[in-house]
C-alpha atoms as a PDB file:
ATOM      1  CA  UNK A   1     -10.022  -1.956 -18.117  1.00  0.00           C
ATOM      2  CA  UNK A   2      -8.260  -1.763 -14.783  1.00  0.00           C
ATOM      3  CA  UNK A   3      -4.810  -2.966 -13.783  1.00  0.00           C
ATOM      4  CA  UNK A   4      -4.706  -3.188 -10.016  1.00  0.00           C
ATOM      5  CA  UNK A   5      -3.579  -5.289  -7.096  1.00  0.00           C
ATOM      6  CA  UNK A   6      -4.712  -5.718  -3.521  1.00  0.00           C
ATOM      7  CA  UNK A   7      -2.379  -6.486  -0.640  1.00  0.00           C
ATOM      8  CA  UNK A   8      -3.268  -7.187   2.979  1.00  0.00           C
ATOM      9  CA  UNK A   9      -1.057  -5.819   5.751  1.00  0.00           C
ATOM     10  CA  UNK A  10      -1.113  -5.427   9.513  1.00  0.00           C
ATOM     11  CA  UNK A  11      -0.084  -2.286  11.364  1.00  0.00           C
ATOM     12  CA  UNK A  12       2.878  -3.315  13.492  1.00  0.00           C
ATOM     13  CA  UNK A  13       3.913  -1.891  16.867  1.00  0.00           C
ATOM     14  CA  UNK A  14       6.993  -0.188  15.427  1.00  0.00           C
ATOM     15  CA  UNK A  15       4.721   1.841  13.102  1.00  0.00           C
ATOM     16  CA  UNK A  16       2.577   3.466  15.808  1.00  0.00           C
ATOM     17  CA  UNK A  17       2.720   6.315  18.292  1.00  0.00           C
ATOM     18  CA  UNK A  18       1.879   6.177  22.015  1.00  0.00           C
ATOM     19  CA  UNK A  19      -1.856   6.130  21.156  1.00  0.00           C
ATOM     20  CA  UNK A  20      -1.337   3.028  18.963  1.00  0.00           C
ATOM     21  CA  UNK A  21      -2.166   5.038  15.821  1.00  0.00           C
ATOM     22  CA  UNK A  22       0.010   4.577  12.742  1.00  0.00           C
ATOM     23  CA  UNK A  23       2.361   7.534  12.332  1.00  0.00           C
ATOM     24  CA  UNK A  24       1.403   9.476   9.193  1.00  0.00           C
ATOM     25  CA  UNK A  25       4.788   8.943   7.519  1.00  0.00           C
ATOM     26  CA  UNK A  26       4.341   5.165   7.564  1.00  0.00           C
ATOM     27  CA  UNK A  27       1.444   5.402   5.121  1.00  0.00           C
ATOM     28  CA  UNK A  28       4.073   6.015   2.443  1.00  0.00           C
ATOM     29  CA  UNK A  29       5.619   2.658   3.355  1.00  0.00           C
ATOM     30  CA  UNK A  30       2.218   0.974   2.985  1.00  0.00           C
ATOM     31  CA  UNK A  31       1.844   2.612  -0.427  1.00  0.00           C
ATOM     32  CA  UNK A  32       5.234   1.188  -1.387  1.00  0.00           C
ATOM     33  CA  UNK A  33       4.032  -2.299  -0.440  1.00  0.00           C
ATOM     34  CA  UNK A  34       1.043  -1.823  -2.735  1.00  0.00           C
ATOM     35  CA  UNK A  35       3.124  -0.297  -5.526  1.00  0.00           C
ATOM     36  CA  UNK A  36       5.580  -3.221  -5.472  1.00  0.00           C
ATOM     37  CA  UNK A  37       2.712  -5.732  -5.692  1.00  0.00           C
ATOM     38  CA  UNK A  38       1.235  -3.854  -8.665  1.00  0.00           C
ATOM     39  CA  UNK A  39       4.559  -3.568 -10.498  1.00  0.00           C
ATOM     40  CA  UNK A  40       5.293  -7.257  -9.876  1.00  0.00           C
ATOM     41  CA  UNK A  41       1.873  -8.119 -11.320  1.00  0.00           C
ATOM     42  CA  UNK A  42       2.740  -6.106 -14.439  1.00  0.00           C
ATOM     43  CA  UNK A  43       6.100  -7.910 -14.613  1.00  0.00           C
ATOM     44  CA  UNK A  44       8.163  -4.773 -14.174  1.00  0.00           C
ATOM     45  CA  UNK A  45       9.195  -4.583 -10.538  1.00  0.00           C
ATOM     46  CA  UNK A  46      12.226  -2.695  -9.278  1.00  0.00           C
ATOM     47  CA  UNK A  47      14.656  -5.505 -10.169  1.00  0.00           C
ATOM     48  CA  UNK A  48      13.366  -5.545 -13.752  1.00  0.00           C
ATOM     49  CA  UNK A  49      13.602  -1.755 -13.932  1.00  0.00           C
ATOM     50  CA  UNK A  50      17.201  -1.814 -12.818  1.00  0.00           C
ATOM     51  CA  UNK A  51      18.088  -4.703 -15.151  1.00  0.00           C
ATOM     52  CA  UNK A  52      16.664  -2.809 -18.140  1.00  0.00           C
ATOM     53  CA  UNK A  53      18.513   0.411 -17.274  1.00  0.00           C
ATOM     54  CA  UNK A  54      15.795   2.540 -15.694  1.00  0.00           C
ATOM     55  CA  UNK A  55      14.792   3.872 -12.309  1.00  0.00           C
ATOM     56  CA  UNK A  56      11.487   5.556 -11.499  1.00  0.00           C
ATOM     57  CA  UNK A  57      11.899   8.067  -8.675  1.00  0.00           C
ATOM     58  CA  UNK A  58       8.761   9.391  -7.008  1.00  0.00           C
ATOM     59  CA  UNK A  59       8.056  12.966  -8.116  1.00  0.00           C
ATOM     60  CA  UNK A  60       4.805  13.681  -6.255  1.00  0.00           C
ATOM     61  CA  UNK A  61       2.704  12.201  -3.468  1.00  0.00           C
ATOM     62  CA  UNK A  62      -0.777  13.162  -2.391  1.00  0.00           C
ATOM     63  CA  UNK A  63      -2.318  11.554   0.688  1.00  0.00           C
ATOM     64  CA  UNK A  64      -5.794  12.070   2.154  1.00  0.00           C
ATOM     65  CA  UNK A  65      -6.028  10.649   5.677  1.00  0.00           C
ATOM     66  CA  UNK A  66      -9.684   9.709   6.184  1.00  0.00           C
ATOM     67  CA  UNK A  67      -9.526   7.384   9.224  1.00  0.00           C
ATOM     68  CA  UNK A  68      -6.587   6.407  11.388  1.00  0.00           C
ATOM     69  CA  UNK A  69      -4.893   3.031  11.113  1.00  0.00           C
ATOM     70  CA  UNK A  70      -4.401   1.223  14.428  1.00  0.00           C
ATOM     71  CA  UNK A  71      -1.885  -1.202  15.874  1.00  0.00           C
ATOM     72  CA  UNK A  72      -2.715  -4.867  15.311  1.00  0.00           C
ATOM     73  CA  UNK A  73      -5.499  -4.284  12.807  1.00  0.00           C
ATOM     74  CA  UNK A  74      -5.450  -5.595   9.262  1.00  0.00           C
ATOM     75  CA  UNK A  75      -5.965  -3.406   6.226  1.00  0.00           C
ATOM     76  CA  UNK A  76      -6.028  -3.875   2.472  1.00  0.00           C
ATOM     77  CA  UNK A  77      -4.238  -1.536   0.115  1.00  0.00           C
ATOM     78  CA  UNK A  78      -5.525  -1.406  -3.430  1.00  0.00           C
ATOM     79  CA  UNK A  79      -3.079   0.008  -5.963  1.00  0.00           C
ATOM     80  CA  UNK A  80      -4.441   0.973  -9.369  1.00  0.00           C
ATOM     81  CA  UNK A  81      -2.438   2.050 -12.410  1.00  0.00           C
ATOM     82  CA  UNK A  82      -4.024   5.181 -13.884  1.00  0.00           C
ATOM     83  CA  UNK A  83      -1.301   6.469 -16.214  1.00  0.00           C
ATOM     84  CA  UNK A  84       1.704   4.791 -17.813  1.00  0.00           C
ATOM     85  CA  UNK A  85       2.652   6.459 -21.096  1.00  0.00           C
ATOM     86  CA  UNK A  86       4.385   9.646 -19.922  1.00  0.00           C
ATOM     87  CA  UNK A  87       4.757   8.851 -16.226  1.00  0.00           C
ATOM     88  CA  UNK A  88       3.839   6.145 -13.776  1.00  0.00           C
ATOM     89  CA  UNK A  89       0.754   7.310 -11.855  1.00  0.00           C
ATOM     90  CA  UNK A  90      -0.859   5.066  -9.257  1.00  0.00           C
ATOM     91  CA  UNK A  91      -3.926   5.627  -7.075  1.00  0.00           C
ATOM     92  CA  UNK A  92      -4.239   3.910  -3.714  1.00  0.00           C
ATOM     93  CA  UNK A  93      -7.034   3.100  -1.305  1.00  0.00           C
ATOM     94  CA  UNK A  94      -6.431   1.683   2.129  1.00  0.00           C
ATOM     95  CA  UNK A  95      -9.504  -0.041   3.572  1.00  0.00           C
ATOM     96  CA  UNK A  96     -10.209  -1.748   6.875  1.00  0.00           C
ATOM     97  CA  UNK A  97      -9.992  -5.489   6.135  1.00  0.00           C
ATOM     98  CA  UNK A  98     -13.031  -6.230   8.348  1.00  0.00           C
ATOM     99  CA  UNK A  99     -15.418  -3.298   7.796  1.00  0.00           C
ATOM    100  CA  UNK A 100     -14.199  -2.325   4.294  1.00  0.00           C
ATOM    101  CA  UNK A 101     -14.284   1.337   5.361  1.00  0.00           C
ATOM    102  CA  UNK A 102     -11.959   3.649   3.440  1.00  0.00           C
ATOM    103  CA  UNK A 103      -9.141   4.865   5.674  1.00  0.00           C
ATOM    104  CA  UNK A 104      -6.814   6.531   3.182  1.00  0.00           C
ATOM    105  CA  UNK A 105      -6.832   7.716  -0.416  1.00  0.00           C
ATOM    106  CA  UNK A 106      -3.556   8.546  -2.103  1.00  0.00           C
ATOM    107  CA  UNK A 107      -1.760   9.002  -5.388  1.00  0.00           C
ATOM    108  CA  UNK A 108       1.865   8.842  -6.464  1.00  0.00           C
ATOM    109  CA  UNK A 109       3.649   9.854  -9.658  1.00  0.00           C
ATOM    110  CA  UNK A 110       7.024   8.618 -10.817  1.00  0.00           C
ATOM    111  CA  UNK A 111       9.075   9.509 -13.868  1.00  0.00           C
ATOM    112  CA  UNK A 112      11.465   7.338 -15.827  1.00  0.00           C
ATOM    113  CA  UNK A 113      15.176   8.042 -15.535  1.00  0.00           C
ATOM    114  CA  UNK A 114      17.747   6.300 -17.769  1.00  0.00           C
ATOM    115  CA  UNK A 115      20.741   4.901 -15.918  1.00  0.00           C
ATOM    116  CA  UNK A 116      23.655   5.209 -15.555  1.00  0.00           C
ATOM    117  CA  UNK A 117      23.404   8.631 -17.226  1.00  0.00           C
ATOM    118  CA  UNK A 118      20.551   9.697 -14.884  1.00  0.00           C
ATOM    119  CA  UNK A 119      18.759  11.305 -17.816  1.00  0.00           C
ATOM    120  CA  UNK A 120      15.125  12.227 -17.160  1.00  0.00           C
ATOM    121  CA  UNK A 121      12.678  10.865 -19.714  1.00  0.00           C
ATOM    122  CA  UNK A 122       9.356  12.444 -20.518  1.00  0.00           C
ATOM    123  CA  UNK A 123       7.836   9.218 -21.794  1.00  0.00           C
ATOM    124  CA  UNK A 124       7.986   5.803 -20.177  1.00  0.00           C
ATOM    125  CA  UNK A 125      10.279   3.291 -21.875  1.00  0.00           C
ATOM    126  CA  UNK A 126       8.759   0.761 -24.242  1.00  0.00           C
ATOM    127  CA  UNK A 127      10.019  -2.109 -22.074  1.00  0.00           C
ATOM    128  CA  UNK A 128       7.423  -0.959 -19.503  1.00  0.00           C
ATOM    129  CA  UNK A 129       4.614   0.330 -21.720  1.00  0.00           C
ATOM    130  CA  UNK A 130       4.683  -2.842 -23.837  1.00  0.00           C
ATOM    131  CA  UNK A 131       4.042  -4.957 -20.700  1.00  0.00           C
ATOM    132  CA  UNK A 132       1.125  -2.738 -19.671  1.00  0.00           C
ATOM    133  CA  UNK A 133      -0.388  -2.766 -23.159  1.00  0.00           C
ATOM    134  CA  UNK A 134      -0.081  -6.547 -23.333  1.00  0.00           C
ATOM    135  CA  UNK A 135      -2.076  -6.780 -20.076  1.00  0.00           C
ATOM    136  CA  UNK A 136      -4.642  -4.343 -21.446  1.00  0.00           C
ATOM    137  CA  UNK A 137      -5.081  -6.389 -24.627  1.00  0.00           C
ATOM    138  CA  UNK A 138      -5.949  -3.367 -26.749  1.00  0.00           C
ATOM    139  CA  UNK A 139      -8.256  -1.802 -24.176  1.00  0.00           C
ATOM    140  CA  UNK A 140      -7.707   1.523 -22.398  1.00  0.00           C
ATOM    141  CA  UNK A 141      -7.233   2.080 -18.669  1.00  0.00           C
ATOM    142  CA  UNK A 142     -10.373   3.022 -16.762  1.00  0.00           C
END
């Protein structure tokens, strides 16, 4: 089974260079848009994390730039949960909203940290994993 979300976005003028190409660092912002949509779908967005006493800082990012993103064009970011028991691992694909061509492939990992102690955890808290497992209904992630 797959837990994923898709979010449409437009590359804005403030995100581009003089050639109207999205600056490479802004792709991380687009990933964040997709990650928030996925976590909200699971029912464990950043407000819920904070309310339950956890934060999930990003520990690694991997981005493969396949095709440039351009000012004024619309794209779709698909965010897919691929791991949730020991860390939060999400894969991303950014596609052109018109042609469906892949523009970017990426992956992020986050680890759970208990607040206010700021203690690193090596398993995700049950408050999160229980929500994922409820969505999975006994099935495993693809």
